[in-house]
Amino acid sequence: MKTKSLLLAASLLAVLGAGAARADDVVTIYSADGLHDGSPNWYQTQFDAFTKATGIKVQYVEGGSGVVVDRVAKEKSNPQADVLVTLPPFIQKAAADGLLQPFTPAGADQILASEKDPKGTYYALVDNYTSFIYNTKVLGDAPKSFADLLDPKFKNKIQYSTPGQAGDGTAVMLLVNQVYGGKDPGFDYLQKLQANNRGPSSSTGKLTALVNKGELWVANGDLQMNISQMADNPNIKVFWPAGPSGERTALFLPYYIGLVQNAPHADAGKKLIEFLLSKDAQMQVSAIAQGMPARKDVTPTDNNFKQLQAMMDGVKVWTPDWDQVLSNLKADVAKWHEVTGS
């Protein structure tokens, strides 16, 4: 999406060499994009503080939510990552496929039961919500509804990331099915929207620059990522289109963190997870990353936190049954490909 793509980061690791990757003072994190956006950004701020406190260097590899999980799966016989951060339902898939190992970090008791795996393989790291962005110079006002996005004027001016590959794109599919009252009407809408959709995208974040330049007028995203991108992309704004009921809805979409099974540097991985879930790190989530802390005992007082709460006023938050989502995901993604021809 951004400053470091998965391929660029992988190339960096190759340049550093296998010796560096196996050093005792290195921890490797594979992460969905979003938390490394902007300068300063929350990830790099915490990584620098972690290295200063522990002497352990952080190697960061970034990609779409499904992409990073697929990479961990491909490396299962010879793991390279220690820590995984990704969105649902991909974190649930990683756990179900045995890619994560149980670990109870300090502060885990301050994360709601609904935001962590009862088996201890993953925990919410940053609370987040789906959103959409539009180009303010071209459109002026945000489209009011999903139905408005079917207008022929949007032909080739809308793009959303690919369900099954990107967490945000998967969330679009789930959200549309929810607001339209079921899969049949939801997929019917997505089939109609395809007339205006520019095409697939494995990463959500790269769409922001296209909207900012006016190459696209509307794209999907998530609140944390989109708000953090606005400083470098002044022509975008966040919105939530209304469904047929007239209600605006956002899907609850937190970043989750887990320890990779057979991580080459498991102890360093545990230390990094605890550091990112610490009260100090969580207190900076809204101020730096424009996200919401996952710990219930952390209530920031910064203006960003207040702004995020104000923006969500009047937006209904929907949390799906992620286990059910996962069980249906393969069939739903296949259906999406069928109706969109993508």
Protein backbone atom coordinates (compact mmCIF):
# COMPACT_ATOMS: atom_id res chain seq x y z
CA MET A 1 0.00 0.00 0.00
CA LYS A 2 2.51 2.38 0.94
CA THR A 3 6.07 3.01 1.97
CA LYS A 4 6.91 -0.67 2.08
CA SER A 5 5.12 -3.24 0.02
CA LEU A 6 5.39 -6.91 0.83
CA LEU A 7 7.74 -7.47 -2.09
CA LEU A 8 9.99 -4.56 -1.21
CA ALA A 9 10.19 -5.67 2.38
CA ALA A 10 10.93 -9.22 1.28
CA SER A 11 13.74 -7.90 -0.91
CA LEU A 12 15.10 -6.01 2.06
CA LEU A 13 15.21 -9.18 4.10
CA ALA A 14 17.05 -10.92 1.29
CA VAL A 15 19.62 -8.14 1.17
CA LEU A 16 20.11 -8.28 4.90
CA GLY A 17 20.84 -11.98 4.54
CA ALA A 18 19.85 -15.11 6.38
CA GLY A 19 22.35 -14.46 9.15
CA ALA A 20 20.71 -11.18 10.10
CA ALA A 21 17.25 -12.73 9.94
CA ARG A 22 18.29 -15.38 12.46
CA ALA A 23 20.15 -13.07 14.82
CA ASP A 24 19.06 -13.16 18.44
CA ASP A 25 18.57 -9.40 18.48
CA VAL A 26 16.02 -9.32 15.64
CA VAL A 27 12.26 -9.84 15.58
CA THR A 28 10.27 -10.05 12.35
CA ILE A 29 6.67 -8.89 12.07
CA TYR A 30 4.40 -9.55 9.10
CA SER A 31 1.57 -7.03 9.12
CA ALA A 32 -1.45 -5.89 7.20
CA ASP A 33 -1.04 -2.33 5.99
CA GLY A 34 -2.31 0.72 7.84
CA LEU A 35 -0.36 1.14 11.05
CA HIS A 36 2.84 2.15 9.24
CA ASP A 37 1.17 5.05 7.40
CA GLY A 38 2.34 8.61 7.79
CA SER A 39 5.36 10.21 9.40
CA PRO A 40 5.51 9.81 12.29
CA ASN A 41 3.51 6.61 12.40
CA TRP A 42 2.51 4.43 15.33
CA TYR A 43 4.40 1.33 14.26
CA GLN A 44 7.74 3.00 13.68
CA THR A 45 7.39 5.05 16.85
CA GLN A 46 6.82 1.88 18.86
CA PHE A 47 9.48 -0.12 17.01
CA ASP A 48 12.08 2.55 17.76
CA ALA A 49 11.05 2.67 21.41
CA PHE A 50 11.09 -1.13 21.61
CA THR A 51 14.60 -1.33 20.14
CA LYS A 52 15.81 1.35 22.54
CA ALA A 53 14.33 -0.50 25.51
CA THR A 54 15.36 -4.04 24.55
CA GLY A 55 18.15 -3.81 21.98
CA ILE A 56 16.02 -5.96 19.65
CA LYS A 57 15.69 -4.67 16.08
CA VAL A 58 12.37 -4.98 14.27
CA GLN A 59 12.15 -6.19 10.67
CA TYR A 60 8.84 -5.13 9.18
CA VAL A 61 7.10 -6.86 6.25
CA GLU A 62 3.83 -5.41 4.96
CA GLY A 63 1.07 -6.63 2.67
CA GLY A 64 -2.67 -7.14 2.35
CA SER A 65 -4.36 -9.04 5.17
CA GLY A 66 -4.73 -12.24 3.20
CA VAL A 67 -1.33 -11.89 1.59
CA VAL A 68 0.61 -11.86 4.86
CA VAL A 69 -1.31 -14.87 6.18
CA ASP A 70 -0.67 -16.75 2.93
CA ARG A 71 3.01 -16.02 3.28
CA VAL A 72 3.09 -17.39 6.83
CA ALA A 73 1.28 -20.48 5.56
CA LYS A 74 3.80 -21.00 2.74
CA GLU A 75 6.65 -20.70 5.24
CA LYS A 76 5.05 -23.06 7.76
CA SER A 77 7.81 -25.66 7.44
CA ASN A 78 10.47 -22.98 7.85
CA PRO A 79 8.91 -19.96 9.62
CA GLN A 80 10.49 -16.56 9.03
CA ALA A 81 8.00 -14.37 10.90
CA ASP A 82 7.70 -14.11 14.67
CA VAL A 83 4.63 -11.89 14.93
CA LEU A 84 1.56 -11.62 12.70
CA VAL A 85 -0.84 -8.67 12.56
CA THR A 86 -3.85 -8.90 10.29
CA LEU A 87 -7.57 -8.23 10.06
CA PRO A 88 -10.46 -10.63 10.51
CA PRO A 89 -11.35 -13.16 9.23
CA PHE A 90 -7.74 -13.77 8.25
CA ILE A 91 -6.47 -13.89 11.83
CA GLN A 92 -9.13 -16.52 12.57
CA LYS A 93 -7.99 -18.44 9.48
CA ALA A 94 -4.38 -18.29 10.65
CA ALA A 95 -5.42 -19.70 14.02
CA ALA A 96 -7.60 -22.40 12.48
CA ASP A 97 -4.75 -23.46 10.18
CA GLY A 98 -2.32 -23.83 13.08
CA LEU A 99 -0.16 -20.87 12.11
CA LEU A 100 -0.31 -19.25 15.57
CA GLN A 101 0.73 -20.46 19.01
CA PRO A 102 -1.00 -19.66 22.31
CA PHE A 103 0.50 -16.86 24.34
CA THR A 104 -1.00 -14.75 27.11
CA PRO A 105 0.66 -11.33 27.12
CA ALA A 106 0.66 -8.98 30.06
CA GLY A 107 -2.47 -6.81 29.86
CA ALA A 108 -4.51 -9.45 28.05
CA ASP A 109 -7.09 -9.24 30.83
CA GLN A 110 -7.76 -5.64 29.76
CA ILE A 111 -8.91 -6.72 26.29
CA LEU A 112 -12.58 -7.57 25.96
CA ALA A 113 -13.40 -11.28 25.67
CA SER A 114 -15.10 -10.56 22.35
CA GLU A 115 -11.82 -9.15 21.00
CA LYS A 116 -9.51 -12.06 21.73
CA ASP A 117 -9.26 -15.75 21.00
CA PRO A 118 -10.42 -17.90 23.94
CA LYS A 119 -7.52 -20.22 23.10
CA GLY A 120 -5.06 -17.35 23.42
CA THR A 121 -3.68 -17.30 19.89
CA TYR A 122 -4.61 -13.71 19.00
CA TYR A 123 -5.67 -10.42 20.59
CA ALA A 124 -7.07 -7.12 19.32
CA LEU A 125 -4.25 -4.63 18.89
CA VAL A 126 -6.03 -1.55 17.52
CA ASP A 127 -9.81 -1.16 17.27
CA ASN A 128 -10.95 -0.04 13.85
CA TYR A 129 -13.93 0.25 11.51
CA THR A 130 -14.65 0.06 7.80
CA SER A 131 -15.01 3.31 5.90
CA PHE A 132 -15.04 4.74 2.40
CA ILE A 133 -13.21 7.74 0.94
CA TYR A 134 -14.10 10.18 -1.84
CA ASN A 135 -12.36 12.95 -3.74
CA THR A 136 -13.70 16.24 -2.38
CA LYS A 137 -12.55 18.38 -5.34
CA VAL A 138 -14.33 16.26 -7.93
CA LEU A 139 -17.48 15.37 -6.01
CA GLY A 140 -17.81 18.15 -3.48
CA ASP A 141 -20.16 16.18 -1.23
CA ALA A 142 -19.95 12.51 -0.33
CA PRO A 143 -22.27 10.04 -2.08
CA LYS A 144 -25.19 9.53 0.27
CA SER A 145 -25.93 5.87 -0.35
CA PHE A 146 -24.68 2.64 -1.85
CA ALA A 147 -27.35 3.11 -4.52
CA ASP A 148 -25.75 6.41 -5.54
CA LEU A 149 -22.55 4.54 -6.43
CA LEU A 150 -24.41 2.78 -9.24
CA ASP A 151 -24.74 6.07 -11.13
CA PRO A 152 -23.05 5.71 -14.58
CA LYS A 153 -20.98 8.82 -13.87
CA PHE A 154 -18.85 6.64 -11.59
CA LYS A 155 -17.80 4.27 -14.39
CA ASN A 156 -14.15 3.28 -13.79
CA LYS A 157 -14.03 5.80 -10.93
CA ILE A 158 -14.76 3.33 -8.10
CA GLN A 159 -12.42 0.67 -6.80
CA TYR A 160 -12.48 -1.55 -3.75
CA SER A 161 -9.90 -4.09 -2.68
CA THR A 162 -10.42 -7.74 -3.52
CA PRO A 163 -12.41 -9.93 -1.11
CA GLY A 164 -10.36 -12.90 -0.02
CA GLN A 165 -7.08 -11.03 -0.48
CA ALA A 166 -7.56 -7.81 1.46
CA GLY A 167 -9.23 -7.55 4.84
CA ASP A 168 -10.94 -4.28 3.93
CA GLY A 169 -12.18 -5.72 0.65
CA THR A 170 -13.56 -8.78 2.38
CA ALA A 171 -15.29 -6.40 4.78
CA VAL A 172 -16.95 -4.57 1.86
CA MET A 173 -18.47 -7.85 0.68
CA LEU A 174 -19.69 -8.70 4.18
CA LEU A 175 -21.02 -5.19 4.84
CA VAL A 176 -22.97 -5.01 1.56
CA ASN A 177 -24.58 -8.38 2.27
CA GLN A 178 -25.50 -7.13 5.74
CA VAL A 179 -27.00 -3.78 4.76
CA TYR A 180 -28.92 -5.30 1.85
CA GLY A 181 -30.44 -7.92 4.11
CA GLY A 182 -28.82 -11.07 2.78
CA LYS A 183 -26.37 -12.61 0.35
CA ASP A 184 -28.68 -12.78 -2.65
CA PRO A 185 -29.53 -9.04 -2.69
CA GLY A 186 -25.99 -8.19 -1.55
CA PHE A 187 -24.30 -10.03 -4.39
CA ASP A 188 -26.90 -8.63 -6.78
CA TYR A 189 -25.79 -5.14 -5.75
CA LEU A 190 -22.09 -6.01 -6.15
CA GLN A 191 -22.82 -7.39 -9.61
CA LYS A 192 -24.41 -4.06 -10.57
CA LEU A 193 -21.57 -2.08 -8.98
CA GLN A 194 -19.08 -3.94 -11.15
CA ALA A 195 -20.11 -1.73 -14.08
CA ASN A 196 -18.35 1.14 -12.28
CA ASN A 197 -15.55 -0.81 -10.56
CA ARG A 198 -12.12 -0.29 -12.10
CA GLY A 199 -10.96 -3.78 -11.17
CA PRO A 200 -9.30 -5.89 -8.47
CA SER A 201 -6.72 -4.64 -5.98
CA SER A 202 -4.89 -6.83 -3.48
CA SER A 203 -4.16 -3.87 -1.22
CA THR A 204 -6.56 -1.21 0.05
CA GLY A 205 -4.10 1.47 1.02
CA LYS A 206 -2.74 2.10 -2.45
CA LEU A 207 -6.20 3.22 -3.54
CA THR A 208 -5.96 6.38 -1.42
CA ALA A 209 -3.40 8.10 -3.63
CA LEU A 210 -5.55 7.33 -6.68
CA VAL A 211 -8.56 8.96 -5.05
CA ASN A 212 -6.48 11.92 -3.97
CA LYS A 213 -5.27 12.47 -7.57
CA GLY A 214 -8.78 12.09 -8.96
CA GLU A 215 -8.00 8.94 -10.94
CA LEU A 216 -10.61 7.35 -8.70
CA TRP A 217 -13.50 9.19 -7.09
CA VAL A 218 -14.45 6.61 -4.47
CA ALA A 219 -12.64 3.73 -2.78
CA ASN A 220 -12.96 1.59 0.29
CA GLY A 221 -10.76 1.73 3.36
CA ASP A 222 -10.84 1.66 7.11
CA LEU A 223 -11.11 4.56 9.50
CA GLN A 224 -7.68 4.31 11.10
CA MET A 225 -5.86 4.02 7.81
CA ASN A 226 -7.87 6.65 5.97
CA ILE A 227 -7.58 9.29 8.69
CA SER A 228 -3.83 8.70 9.00
CA GLN A 229 -3.49 9.13 5.21
CA MET A 230 -5.35 12.43 5.03
CA ALA A 231 -2.32 14.55 5.91
CA ASP A 232 -0.53 13.36 2.76
CA ASN A 233 -3.72 13.15 0.71
CA PRO A 234 -5.60 16.43 1.32
CA ASN A 235 -8.29 15.80 -1.32
CA ILE A 236 -9.86 12.80 0.41
CA LYS A 237 -12.54 12.59 3.07
CA VAL A 238 -14.14 9.68 4.89
CA PHE A 239 -17.80 8.75 4.51
CA TRP A 240 -20.21 5.90 5.16
CA PRO A 241 -22.88 5.34 2.48
CA ALA A 242 -26.36 4.44 3.67
CA GLY A 243 -28.00 1.15 2.84
CA PRO A 244 -31.58 0.66 1.64
CA SER A 245 -32.86 1.35 5.17
CA GLY A 246 -31.26 4.80 5.13
CA GLU A 247 -28.92 3.80 7.96
CA ARG A 248 -25.15 4.22 7.72
CA THR A 249 -23.26 1.17 8.97
CA ALA A 250 -19.61 0.41 9.69
CA LEU A 251 -18.20 -3.05 10.25
CA PHE A 252 -16.02 -3.47 13.35
CA LEU A 253 -12.62 -4.43 11.94
CA PRO A 254 -9.80 -4.45 14.49
CA TYR A 255 -6.17 -5.23 13.82
CA TYR A 256 -5.31 -8.48 15.62
CA ILE A 257 -1.90 -9.64 16.76
CA GLY A 258 -0.58 -13.15 17.37
CA LEU A 259 2.63 -15.13 17.87
CA VAL A 260 3.59 -17.28 14.89
CA GLN A 261 3.79 -21.04 15.46
CA ASN A 262 7.43 -22.14 15.72
CA ALA A 263 8.56 -18.53 15.46
CA PRO A 264 12.35 -18.41 15.03
CA HIS A 265 12.58 -15.71 17.71
CA ALA A 266 9.60 -16.52 19.89
CA ASP A 267 10.91 -14.79 23.01
CA ALA A 268 11.57 -11.58 21.08
CA GLY A 269 8.13 -11.94 19.48
CA LYS A 270 6.48 -12.20 22.89
CA LYS A 271 8.31 -9.11 24.05
CA LEU A 272 7.18 -7.13 21.00
CA ILE A 273 3.55 -8.20 21.43
CA GLU A 274 3.59 -7.17 25.09
CA PHE A 275 5.22 -3.87 24.18
CA LEU A 276 2.59 -3.03 21.56
CA LEU A 277 -0.19 -3.97 24.00
CA SER A 278 1.30 -2.00 26.88
CA LYS A 279 -0.63 0.94 28.32
CA ASP A 280 1.99 3.41 27.10
CA ALA A 281 1.85 2.16 23.51
CA GLN A 282 -1.94 1.89 23.53
CA MET A 283 -2.29 5.42 24.86
CA GLN A 284 -0.59 6.67 21.68
CA VAL A 285 -2.79 4.75 19.23
CA SER A 286 -5.21 7.59 18.58
CA ALA A 287 -2.69 10.43 18.83
CA ILE A 288 -0.32 8.89 16.27
CA ALA A 289 -2.20 6.18 14.36
CA GLN A 290 -5.70 7.69 14.41
CA GLY A 291 -7.01 4.37 15.74
CA MET A 292 -8.77 3.28 18.91
CA PRO A 293 -6.92 1.47 21.72
CA ALA A 294 -7.86 -2.16 22.26
CA ARG A 295 -7.31 -2.04 26.03
CA LYS A 296 -10.43 -1.16 28.03
CA ASP A 297 -8.32 0.53 30.72
CA VAL A 298 -6.90 3.06 28.24
CA THR A 299 -8.94 6.18 27.43
CA PRO A 300 -6.91 8.75 25.49
CA THR A 301 -7.63 12.45 25.92
CA ASP A 302 -6.08 13.70 22.68
CA ASN A 303 -8.07 15.54 20.03
CA ASN A 304 -7.75 12.71 17.53
CA PHE A 305 -9.58 10.35 19.86
CA LYS A 306 -12.36 12.89 20.31
CA GLN A 307 -12.55 13.48 16.54
CA LEU A 308 -12.83 9.75 15.81
CA GLN A 309 -15.67 9.39 18.28
CA ALA A 310 -17.44 12.40 16.77
CA MET A 311 -17.05 11.06 13.22
CA MET A 312 -18.66 7.77 14.22
CA ASP A 313 -21.66 9.53 15.73
CA GLY A 314 -24.78 8.31 13.95
CA VAL A 315 -22.99 5.35 12.35
CA LYS A 316 -24.23 1.92 13.38
CA VAL A 317 -21.45 -0.51 14.24
CA TRP A 318 -21.92 -4.11 13.16
CA THR A 319 -19.77 -6.99 14.41
CA PRO A 320 -20.17 -10.21 12.43
CA ASP A 321 -19.70 -13.72 13.77
CA TRP A 322 -16.17 -14.15 12.47
CA ASP A 323 -16.14 -17.91 12.94
CA GLN A 324 -19.23 -18.11 10.76
CA VAL A 325 -17.66 -15.72 8.27
CA LEU A 326 -14.59 -17.94 8.09
CA SER A 327 -16.61 -21.09 7.53
CA ASN A 328 -18.40 -19.44 4.59
CA LEU A 329 -15.48 -17.40 3.28
CA LYS A 330 -14.31 -19.70 0.48
CA ALA A 331 -17.83 -20.06 -0.93
CA ASP A 332 -18.59 -16.35 -0.54
CA VAL A 333 -15.39 -15.28 -2.27
CA ALA A 334 -16.10 -17.75 -5.08
CA LYS A 335 -19.57 -16.24 -5.40
CA TRP A 336 -18.09 -12.74 -5.53
CA HIS A 337 -15.76 -13.78 -8.35
CA GLU A 338 -18.69 -15.36 -10.17
CA VAL A 339 -20.99 -12.33 -10.01
CA THR A 340 -18.28 -9.74 -10.72
CA GLY A 341 -16.33 -11.70 -13.30
CA SER A 342 -13.11 -10.67 -11.57
